[in-house]
Amino acid sequence: MKAPPERLSFGWAKFFAGIFFGSLISWFVFIYMHGITQEQQIVLISNLKGEIIDLKKSNSTLIENHERLNEENKKNLIVQEIKVSILNAEQYNINKFTKHQVESAVVNDLNNLLTQDIKSVSQNRELLRRAIENKVYKKDDRRFKLEIDTIYFDTVLEITLKIKSTK
């Protein structure tokens, strides 16, 4: 048997030196690329933080404007719908169709109140009461005189009526 030589062959030495220098170069390349990507991430994060701050400022400004406009609109609410109901129609033996016709006639009389400020309509409540109570509604050869029971002033003007007399 022959004893192995004390030195490695030159081919193996070049191989191990190549592995060493290759790993050293690849490590430096990795560190360089990692540094570049981290720098890009830092720039992106700082840009996004600035954008978030700007958006929060604009959001708070929009919310303040929205709240201010809501307060202004609450002061200037308008009548959007009129609902009329007759409470004691059964007492006078009035059928549903006649009841509906009388309610529609009252709504038609009050149509000019649509798109009016609720404040102005509520200030003219007595005029509204007199307009309804002094009018005689004629349906099916019967005459109806109405009396206001309750009035609710909101975007929907709700009026409940009672029949005062019929002829």
C-alpha atoms as a PDB file:
ATOM      1  CA  MET A   1       0.000   0.000   0.000  1.00  0.00           C
ATOM      2  CA  LYS A   2       1.083   3.391  -0.842  1.00  0.00           C
ATOM      3  CA  ALA A   3       0.823   6.289   1.675  1.00  0.00           C
ATOM      4  CA  PRO A   4      -1.109   9.357   0.540  1.00  0.00           C
ATOM      5  CA  PRO A   5       0.871  12.466  -0.188  1.00  0.00           C
ATOM      6  CA  GLU A   6       1.200  15.051   2.533  1.00  0.00           C
ATOM      7  CA  ARG A   7      -0.037  17.864   0.328  1.00  0.00           C
ATOM      8  CA  LEU A   8      -3.292  18.103  -1.470  1.00  0.00           C
ATOM      9  CA  SER A   9      -3.174  18.183  -5.150  1.00  0.00           C
ATOM     10  CA  PHE A  10      -3.212  21.537  -6.815  1.00  0.00           C
ATOM     11  CA  GLY A  11      -6.651  20.834  -8.393  1.00  0.00           C
ATOM     12  CA  TRP A  12      -8.301  20.319  -5.005  1.00  0.00           C
ATOM     13  CA  ALA A  13      -6.652  23.447  -3.629  1.00  0.00           C
ATOM     14  CA  LYS A  14      -8.056  25.505  -6.517  1.00  0.00           C
ATOM     15  CA  PHE A  15     -11.481  23.944  -5.910  1.00  0.00           C
ATOM     16  CA  PHE A  16     -11.533  24.837  -2.198  1.00  0.00           C
ATOM     17  CA  ALA A  17     -10.121  28.311  -2.871  1.00  0.00           C
ATOM     18  CA  GLY A  18     -12.867  28.856  -5.476  1.00  0.00           C
ATOM     19  CA  ILE A  19     -15.545  27.790  -2.975  1.00  0.00           C
ATOM     20  CA  PHE A  20     -14.084  30.123  -0.338  1.00  0.00           C
ATOM     21  CA  PHE A  21     -13.812  33.175  -2.616  1.00  0.00           C
ATOM     22  CA  GLY A  22     -17.147  32.427  -4.318  1.00  0.00           C
ATOM     23  CA  SER A  23     -18.950  32.257  -0.996  1.00  0.00           C
ATOM     24  CA  LEU A  24     -17.188  35.434   0.136  1.00  0.00           C
ATOM     25  CA  ILE A  25     -18.203  37.290  -3.065  1.00  0.00           C
ATOM     26  CA  SER A  26     -21.761  35.933  -2.945  1.00  0.00           C
ATOM     27  CA  TRP A  27     -22.031  37.060   0.694  1.00  0.00           C
ATOM     28  CA  PHE A  28     -20.967  40.609  -0.254  1.00  0.00           C
ATOM     29  CA  VAL A  29     -23.410  40.598  -3.195  1.00  0.00           C
ATOM     30  CA  PHE A  30     -26.182  39.434  -0.868  1.00  0.00           C
ATOM     31  CA  ILE A  31     -25.381  42.155   1.692  1.00  0.00           C
ATOM     32  CA  TYR A  32     -25.292  44.807  -1.071  1.00  0.00           C
ATOM     33  CA  MET A  33     -28.623  43.700  -2.606  1.00  0.00           C
ATOM     34  CA  HIS A  34     -30.250  43.405   0.811  1.00  0.00           C
ATOM     35  CA  GLY A  35     -29.078  46.940   1.654  1.00  0.00           C
ATOM     36  CA  ILE A  36     -30.510  48.316  -1.595  1.00  0.00           C
ATOM     37  CA  THR A  37     -33.893  46.628  -1.091  1.00  0.00           C
ATOM     38  CA  GLN A  38     -34.046  47.787   2.541  1.00  0.00           C
ATOM     39  CA  GLU A  39     -33.246  51.329   1.462  1.00  0.00           C
ATOM     40  CA  GLN A  40     -36.051  51.157  -1.097  1.00  0.00           C
ATOM     41  CA  GLN A  41     -38.422  49.827   1.582  1.00  0.00           C
ATOM     42  CA  ILE A  42     -37.460  52.643   3.954  1.00  0.00           C
ATOM     43  CA  VAL A  43     -38.114  55.256   1.248  1.00  0.00           C
ATOM     44  CA  LEU A  44     -41.462  53.617   0.423  1.00  0.00           C
ATOM     45  CA  ILE A  45     -42.503  53.475   4.088  1.00  0.00           C
ATOM     46  CA  SER A  46     -41.552  57.113   4.694  1.00  0.00           C
ATOM     47  CA  ASN A  47     -43.521  58.166   1.578  1.00  0.00           C
ATOM     48  CA  LEU A  48     -46.549  56.168   2.735  1.00  0.00           C
ATOM     49  CA  LYS A  49     -46.315  57.669   6.239  1.00  0.00           C
ATOM     50  CA  GLY A  50     -46.343  61.156   4.730  1.00  0.00           C
ATOM     51  CA  GLU A  51     -49.303  60.225   2.549  1.00  0.00           C
ATOM     52  CA  ILE A  52     -51.154  58.795   5.576  1.00  0.00           C
ATOM     53  CA  ILE A  53     -50.595  62.037   7.493  1.00  0.00           C
ATOM     54  CA  ASP A  54     -51.902  64.067   4.533  1.00  0.00           C
ATOM     55  CA  LEU A  55     -54.946  61.807   4.167  1.00  0.00           C
ATOM     56  CA  LYS A  56     -55.716  62.033   7.892  1.00  0.00           C
ATOM     57  CA  LYS A  57     -55.590  65.820   7.690  1.00  0.00           C
ATOM     58  CA  SER A  58     -57.863  65.924   4.651  1.00  0.00           C
ATOM     59  CA  ASN A  59     -60.197  63.368   6.247  1.00  0.00           C
ATOM     60  CA  SER A  60     -60.529  65.441   9.409  1.00  0.00           C
ATOM     61  CA  THR A  61     -61.151  68.559   7.298  1.00  0.00           C
ATOM     62  CA  LEU A  62     -63.838  66.745   5.295  1.00  0.00           C
ATOM     63  CA  ILE A  63     -65.470  65.442   8.467  1.00  0.00           C
ATOM     64  CA  GLU A  64     -65.523  68.944   9.977  1.00  0.00           C
ATOM     65  CA  ASN A  65     -67.049  70.350   6.768  1.00  0.00           C
ATOM     66  CA  HIS A  66     -69.612  67.551   6.685  1.00  0.00           C
ATOM     67  CA  GLU A  67     -70.616  68.165  10.305  1.00  0.00           C
ATOM     68  CA  ARG A  68     -70.870  71.905   9.669  1.00  0.00           C
ATOM     69  CA  LEU A  69     -73.055  71.327   6.610  1.00  0.00           C
ATOM     70  CA  ASN A  70     -75.243  68.914   8.591  1.00  0.00           C
ATOM     71  CA  GLU A  71     -75.762  71.576  11.252  1.00  0.00           C
ATOM     72  CA  GLU A  72     -76.666  74.142   8.582  1.00  0.00           C
ATOM     73  CA  ASN A  73     -79.044  71.690   6.916  1.00  0.00           C
ATOM     74  CA  LYS A  74     -80.724  70.916  10.232  1.00  0.00           C
ATOM     75  CA  LYS A  75     -81.538  74.598  10.516  1.00  0.00           C
ATOM     76  CA  ASN A  76     -83.006  74.645   6.999  1.00  0.00           C
ATOM     77  CA  LEU A  77     -84.967  71.403   6.872  1.00  0.00           C
ATOM     78  CA  ILE A  78     -87.797  71.355   4.380  1.00  0.00           C
ATOM     79  CA  VAL A  79     -91.109  69.523   4.207  1.00  0.00           C
ATOM     80  CA  GLN A  80     -90.674  66.613   1.795  1.00  0.00           C
ATOM     81  CA  GLU A  81     -93.891  64.680   2.283  1.00  0.00           C
ATOM     82  CA  ILE A  82     -97.363  65.210   3.726  1.00  0.00           C
ATOM     83  CA  LYS A  83     -99.247  62.386   5.448  1.00  0.00           C
ATOM     84  CA  VAL A  84    -102.856  62.801   6.458  1.00  0.00           C
ATOM     85  CA  SER A  85    -104.942  60.305   8.393  1.00  0.00           C
ATOM     86  CA  ILE A  86    -108.522  60.435   9.637  1.00  0.00           C
ATOM     87  CA  LEU A  87    -109.101  58.830  13.017  1.00  0.00           C
ATOM     88  CA  ASN A  88    -112.862  58.514  13.436  1.00  0.00           C
ATOM     89  CA  ALA A  89    -114.014  57.497   9.957  1.00  0.00           C
ATOM     90  CA  GLU A  90    -115.683  54.334  11.255  1.00  0.00           C
ATOM     91  CA  GLN A  91    -117.837  56.351  13.648  1.00  0.00           C
ATOM     92  CA  TYR A  92    -119.507  58.114  10.712  1.00  0.00           C
ATOM     93  CA  ASN A  93    -119.760  54.939   8.590  1.00  0.00           C
ATOM     94  CA  ILE A  94    -117.375  56.186   5.923  1.00  0.00           C
ATOM     95  CA  ASN A  95    -115.908  53.549   3.631  1.00  0.00           C
ATOM     96  CA  LYS A  96    -112.195  53.325   2.890  1.00  0.00           C
ATOM     97  CA  PHE A  97    -112.492  54.799  -0.575  1.00  0.00           C
ATOM     98  CA  THR A  98    -114.252  57.951   0.634  1.00  0.00           C
ATOM     99  CA  LYS A  99    -111.785  58.235   3.499  1.00  0.00           C
ATOM    100  CA  HIS A 100    -108.935  58.016   0.996  1.00  0.00           C
ATOM    101  CA  GLN A 101    -110.562  60.651  -1.235  1.00  0.00           C
ATOM    102  CA  VAL A 102    -110.927  63.092   1.672  1.00  0.00           C
ATOM    103  CA  GLU A 103    -107.322  62.477   2.773  1.00  0.00           C
ATOM    104  CA  SER A 104    -106.125  63.041  -0.806  1.00  0.00           C
ATOM    105  CA  ALA A 105    -108.135  66.270  -1.038  1.00  0.00           C
ATOM    106  CA  VAL A 106    -106.477  67.564   2.135  1.00  0.00           C
ATOM    107  CA  VAL A 107    -103.034  66.584   0.817  1.00  0.00           C
ATOM    108  CA  ASN A 108    -103.787  68.347  -2.483  1.00  0.00           C
ATOM    109  CA  ASP A 109    -104.812  71.474  -0.564  1.00  0.00           C
ATOM    110  CA  LEU A 110    -101.506  71.391   1.347  1.00  0.00           C
ATOM    111  CA  ASN A 111     -99.231  70.642  -1.635  1.00  0.00           C
ATOM    112  CA  ASN A 112     -97.945  74.210  -1.631  1.00  0.00           C
ATOM    113  CA  LEU A 113     -96.238  73.411   1.715  1.00  0.00           C
ATOM    114  CA  LEU A 114     -93.886  70.952   0.036  1.00  0.00           C
ATOM    115  CA  THR A 115     -90.317  72.299  -0.190  1.00  0.00           C
ATOM    116  CA  GLN A 116     -91.078  74.944   2.448  1.00  0.00           C
ATOM    117  CA  ASP A 117     -88.914  75.336   5.545  1.00  0.00           C
ATOM    118  CA  ILE A 118     -90.259  73.406   8.501  1.00  0.00           C
ATOM    119  CA  LYS A 119     -89.651  76.453  10.645  1.00  0.00           C
ATOM    120  CA  SER A 120     -91.876  78.683   8.517  1.00  0.00           C
ATOM    121  CA  VAL A 121     -94.585  76.012   8.292  1.00  0.00           C
ATOM    122  CA  SER A 122     -94.588  75.545  12.069  1.00  0.00           C
ATOM    123  CA  GLN A 123     -94.800  79.321  12.591  1.00  0.00           C
ATOM    124  CA  ASN A 124     -97.925  79.367  10.394  1.00  0.00           C
ATOM    125  CA  ARG A 125     -99.572  76.513  12.263  1.00  0.00           C
ATOM    126  CA  GLU A 126    -102.736  78.488  13.044  1.00  0.00           C
ATOM    127  CA  LEU A 127    -103.143  79.422   9.391  1.00  0.00           C
ATOM    128  CA  LEU A 128    -102.753  75.745   8.496  1.00  0.00           C
ATOM    129  CA  ARG A 129    -105.339  74.801  11.152  1.00  0.00           C
ATOM    130  CA  ARG A 130    -107.835  77.363   9.882  1.00  0.00           C
ATOM    131  CA  ALA A 131    -107.302  76.343   6.255  1.00  0.00           C
ATOM    132  CA  ILE A 132    -108.225  72.745   7.028  1.00  0.00           C
ATOM    133  CA  GLU A 133    -110.960  73.328   9.606  1.00  0.00           C
ATOM    134  CA  ASN A 134    -112.824  76.028   7.678  1.00  0.00           C
ATOM    135  CA  LYS A 135    -113.041  74.097   4.437  1.00  0.00           C
ATOM    136  CA  VAL A 136    -115.962  71.769   3.720  1.00  0.00           C
ATOM    137  CA  TYR A 137    -115.022  68.663   1.747  1.00  0.00           C
ATOM    138  CA  LYS A 138    -117.727  67.172  -0.505  1.00  0.00           C
ATOM    139  CA  LYS A 139    -117.530  63.471  -1.380  1.00  0.00           C
ATOM    140  CA  ASP A 140    -120.342  61.073  -2.375  1.00  0.00           C
ATOM    141  CA  ASP A 141    -123.160  63.565  -1.712  1.00  0.00           C
ATOM    142  CA  ARG A 142    -121.853  64.067   1.809  1.00  0.00           C
ATOM    143  CA  ARG A 143    -120.173  67.107   3.268  1.00  0.00           C
ATOM    144  CA  PHE A 144    -117.330  66.700   5.727  1.00  0.00           C
ATOM    145  CA  LYS A 145    -116.006  69.270   8.148  1.00  0.00           C
ATOM    146  CA  LEU A 146    -112.662  68.286   9.640  1.00  0.00           C
ATOM    147  CA  GLU A 147    -110.891  69.123  12.861  1.00  0.00           C
ATOM    148  CA  ILE A 148    -107.145  68.797  13.426  1.00  0.00           C
ATOM    149  CA  ASP A 149    -106.223  66.421  16.218  1.00  0.00           C
ATOM    150  CA  THR A 150    -102.403  66.515  16.010  1.00  0.00           C
ATOM    151  CA  ILE A 151     -99.738  67.981  13.758  1.00  0.00           C
ATOM    152  CA  TYR A 152     -96.124  66.781  13.678  1.00  0.00           C
ATOM    153  CA  PHE A 153     -93.621  69.028  11.963  1.00  0.00           C
ATOM    154  CA  ASP A 154     -90.675  67.192  10.457  1.00  0.00           C
ATOM    155  CA  THR A 155     -89.482  66.400   6.949  1.00  0.00           C
ATOM    156  CA  VAL A 156     -92.740  64.452   6.816  1.00  0.00           C
ATOM    157  CA  LEU A 157     -95.640  66.690   7.861  1.00  0.00           C
ATOM    158  CA  GLU A 158     -98.036  64.335   9.673  1.00  0.00           C
ATOM    159  CA  ILE A 159    -101.561  65.540  10.324  1.00  0.00           C
ATOM    160  CA  THR A 160    -104.210  63.466  12.098  1.00  0.00           C
ATOM    161  CA  LEU A 161    -107.763  64.650  11.579  1.00  0.00           C
ATOM    162  CA  LYS A 162    -111.153  63.963  13.145  1.00  0.00           C
ATOM    163  CA  ILE A 163    -114.425  64.375  11.344  1.00  0.00           C
ATOM    164  CA  LYS A 164    -116.324  67.124  13.114  1.00  0.00           C
ATOM    165  CA  SER A 165    -119.639  66.866  11.327  1.00  0.00           C
ATOM    166  CA  THR A 166    -121.233  65.438   8.227  1.00  0.00           C
ATOM    167  CA  LYS A 167    -124.332  66.406   6.330  1.00  0.00           C
END
